Amino acid sequence: MFIIELIYKADLKDVDACMPAHMSFLRKHYAAGTFLLSGRKIPRDGGIILAIAKDLPSIEAIVKDDPFVARALADYRIIEFRVSQKADDLQALIDRA
């Protein structure tokens, strides 16, 4: 699994102008089963995506296709990890977050 951290490097007005394209990108990868969770960081200086893929190069290729990255509005950091535990009631916890 992977944590993708987007770090904005442009004004929020430029980020917001690109948001529809970014949302389309997210929907595409949710539909493909690659993205599991995503959202804005607090404070709003970027975002987080939880993803699953076979390897790091696959995730790197996907991230480079993100309109925020392709248009130089954000940098990214990828953290790979192996899931070893999970909450039994994961969906309920997500729903109340």
C-alpha atoms as a PDB file:
ATOM      1  CA  MET A   1       0.000   0.000   0.000  1.00  0.00           C
ATOM      2  CA  PHE A   2       1.002   3.582  -0.483  1.00  0.00           C
ATOM      3  CA  ILE A   3       0.406   6.948   1.111  1.00  0.00           C
ATOM      4  CA  ILE A   4       0.637   9.724  -1.457  1.00  0.00           C
ATOM      5  CA  GLU A   5       1.164  13.158   0.034  1.00  0.00           C
ATOM      6  CA  LEU A   6       0.560  16.115  -2.257  1.00  0.00           C
ATOM      7  CA  ILE A   7       2.225  19.360  -1.212  1.00  0.00           C
ATOM      8  CA  TYR A   8       0.876  22.494  -2.881  1.00  0.00           C
ATOM      9  CA  LYS A   9       3.467  24.856  -4.304  1.00  0.00           C
ATOM     10  CA  ALA A  10       1.043  27.301  -5.948  1.00  0.00           C
ATOM     11  CA  ASP A  11      -1.586  29.735  -4.686  1.00  0.00           C
ATOM     12  CA  LEU A  12      -4.863  28.137  -3.623  1.00  0.00           C
ATOM     13  CA  LYS A  13      -6.704  30.078  -6.343  1.00  0.00           C
ATOM     14  CA  ASP A  14      -4.626  28.197  -8.952  1.00  0.00           C
ATOM     15  CA  VAL A  15      -5.156  24.897  -7.140  1.00  0.00           C
ATOM     16  CA  ASP A  16      -8.919  25.532  -6.984  1.00  0.00           C
ATOM     17  CA  ALA A  17      -9.032  26.357 -10.705  1.00  0.00           C
ATOM     18  CA  CYS A  18      -7.528  22.915 -11.400  1.00  0.00           C
ATOM     19  CA  MET A  19      -9.757  21.080  -8.902  1.00  0.00           C
ATOM     20  CA  PRO A  20     -12.296  19.739 -11.456  1.00  0.00           C
ATOM     21  CA  ALA A  21      -9.483  18.075 -13.426  1.00  0.00           C
ATOM     22  CA  HIS A  22      -7.984  16.682 -10.208  1.00  0.00           C
ATOM     23  CA  MET A  23     -11.381  15.306  -9.124  1.00  0.00           C
ATOM     24  CA  SER A  24     -11.754  13.582 -12.499  1.00  0.00           C
ATOM     25  CA  PHE A  25      -8.283  12.056 -11.992  1.00  0.00           C
ATOM     26  CA  LEU A  26      -9.328  10.798  -8.536  1.00  0.00           C
ATOM     27  CA  ARG A  27     -12.590   9.287  -9.837  1.00  0.00           C
ATOM     28  CA  LYS A  28     -10.686   7.440 -12.573  1.00  0.00           C
ATOM     29  CA  HIS A  29      -8.380   5.795 -10.052  1.00  0.00           C
ATOM     30  CA  TYR A  30     -11.161   5.045  -7.562  1.00  0.00           C
ATOM     31  CA  ALA A  31     -13.024   3.267 -10.379  1.00  0.00           C
ATOM     32  CA  ALA A  32      -9.869   1.303 -11.222  1.00  0.00           C
ATOM     33  CA  GLY A  33      -9.572   0.189  -7.585  1.00  0.00           C
ATOM     34  CA  THR A  34      -6.230   1.922  -7.051  1.00  0.00           C
ATOM     35  CA  PHE A  35      -7.346   4.718  -4.704  1.00  0.00           C
ATOM     36  CA  LEU A  36      -8.985   3.800  -1.403  1.00  0.00           C
ATOM     37  CA  LEU A  37      -9.235   7.107   0.509  1.00  0.00           C
ATOM     38  CA  SER A  38      -8.324  10.722  -0.151  1.00  0.00           C
ATOM     39  CA  GLY A  39      -8.768  14.179   1.277  1.00  0.00           C
ATOM     40  CA  ARG A  40      -7.332  17.610   2.027  1.00  0.00           C
ATOM     41  CA  LYS A  41      -4.667  18.098   4.642  1.00  0.00           C
ATOM     42  CA  ILE A  42      -5.391  20.410   7.545  1.00  0.00           C
ATOM     43  CA  PRO A  43      -4.144  23.092   7.240  1.00  0.00           C
ATOM     44  CA  ARG A  44      -4.931  23.093   3.533  1.00  0.00           C
ATOM     45  CA  ASP A  45      -1.448  22.882   2.102  1.00  0.00           C
ATOM     46  CA  GLY A  46      -1.962  19.688   0.127  1.00  0.00           C
ATOM     47  CA  GLY A  47      -3.726  16.364   0.257  1.00  0.00           C
ATOM     48  CA  ILE A  48      -3.395  12.684   1.096  1.00  0.00           C
ATOM     49  CA  ILE A  49      -4.327   9.634  -0.990  1.00  0.00           C
ATOM     50  CA  LEU A  50      -4.266   6.066   0.295  1.00  0.00           C
ATOM     51  CA  ALA A  51      -3.608   3.759  -2.639  1.00  0.00           C
ATOM     52  CA  ILE A  52      -2.949   0.147  -3.487  1.00  0.00           C
ATOM     53  CA  ALA A  53      -0.841  -1.052  -6.412  1.00  0.00           C
ATOM     54  CA  LYS A  54       1.563  -3.824  -7.331  1.00  0.00           C
ATOM     55  CA  ASP A  55       4.687  -1.685  -7.050  1.00  0.00           C
ATOM     56  CA  LEU A  56       6.157   1.782  -6.554  1.00  0.00           C
ATOM     57  CA  PRO A  57       6.755   2.508 -10.277  1.00  0.00           C
ATOM     58  CA  SER A  58       3.020   2.005 -10.904  1.00  0.00           C
ATOM     59  CA  ILE A  59       2.120   4.592  -8.273  1.00  0.00           C
ATOM     60  CA  GLU A  60       4.786   7.003  -9.508  1.00  0.00           C
ATOM     61  CA  ALA A  61       3.348   6.827 -13.026  1.00  0.00           C
ATOM     62  CA  ILE A  62      -0.167   7.488 -11.729  1.00  0.00           C
ATOM     63  CA  VAL A  63       0.934  10.462  -9.617  1.00  0.00           C
ATOM     64  CA  LYS A  64       2.726  12.078 -12.558  1.00  0.00           C
ATOM     65  CA  ASP A  65      -0.644  12.035 -14.369  1.00  0.00           C
ATOM     66  CA  ASP A  66      -2.355  14.038 -11.586  1.00  0.00           C
ATOM     67  CA  PRO A  67      -3.259  17.460 -13.046  1.00  0.00           C
ATOM     68  CA  PHE A  68      -1.891  19.132  -9.895  1.00  0.00           C
ATOM     69  CA  VAL A  69       1.498  17.538 -10.543  1.00  0.00           C
ATOM     70  CA  ALA A  70       1.412  17.791 -14.348  1.00  0.00           C
ATOM     71  CA  ARG A  71       0.623  21.528 -14.104  1.00  0.00           C
ATOM     72  CA  ALA A  72       3.347  22.095 -11.487  1.00  0.00           C
ATOM     73  CA  LEU A  73       0.841  23.057  -8.769  1.00  0.00           C
ATOM     74  CA  ALA A  74       2.002  20.390  -6.320  1.00  0.00           C
ATOM     75  CA  ASP A  75       4.898  18.149  -5.454  1.00  0.00           C
ATOM     76  CA  TYR A  76       4.366  14.713  -4.016  1.00  0.00           C
ATOM     77  CA  ARG A  77       5.891  12.248  -1.603  1.00  0.00           C
ATOM     78  CA  ILE A  78       5.129   8.533  -1.716  1.00  0.00           C
ATOM     79  CA  ILE A  79       5.421   6.300   1.328  1.00  0.00           C
ATOM     80  CA  GLU A  80       5.158   2.557   0.753  1.00  0.00           C
ATOM     81  CA  PHE A  81       4.097   0.319   3.623  1.00  0.00           C
ATOM     82  CA  ARG A  82       2.976  -3.237   4.264  1.00  0.00           C
ATOM     83  CA  VAL A  83      -0.362  -3.541   6.034  1.00  0.00           C
ATOM     84  CA  SER A  84       0.000  -5.757   9.075  1.00  0.00           C
ATOM     85  CA  GLN A  85      -3.091  -4.799  11.084  1.00  0.00           C
ATOM     86  CA  LYS A  86      -6.440  -3.094  10.592  1.00  0.00           C
ATOM     87  CA  ALA A  87      -9.410  -2.097  12.718  1.00  0.00           C
ATOM     88  CA  ASP A  88     -12.209  -4.674  12.673  1.00  0.00           C
ATOM     89  CA  ASP A  89     -14.762  -1.904  12.179  1.00  0.00           C
ATOM     90  CA  LEU A  90     -12.756   0.052   9.592  1.00  0.00           C
ATOM     91  CA  GLN A  91     -15.758   1.165   7.524  1.00  0.00           C
ATOM     92  CA  ALA A  92     -17.636   2.418  10.585  1.00  0.00           C
ATOM     93  CA  LEU A  93     -14.595   4.403  11.683  1.00  0.00           C
ATOM     94  CA  ILE A  94     -14.221   5.936   8.228  1.00  0.00           C
ATOM     95  CA  ASP A  95     -17.917   6.835   8.127  1.00  0.00           C
ATOM     96  CA  ARG A  96     -17.737   8.802  11.354  1.00  0.00           C
ATOM     97  CA  ALA A  97     -14.481  10.624  10.498  1.00  0.00           C
END
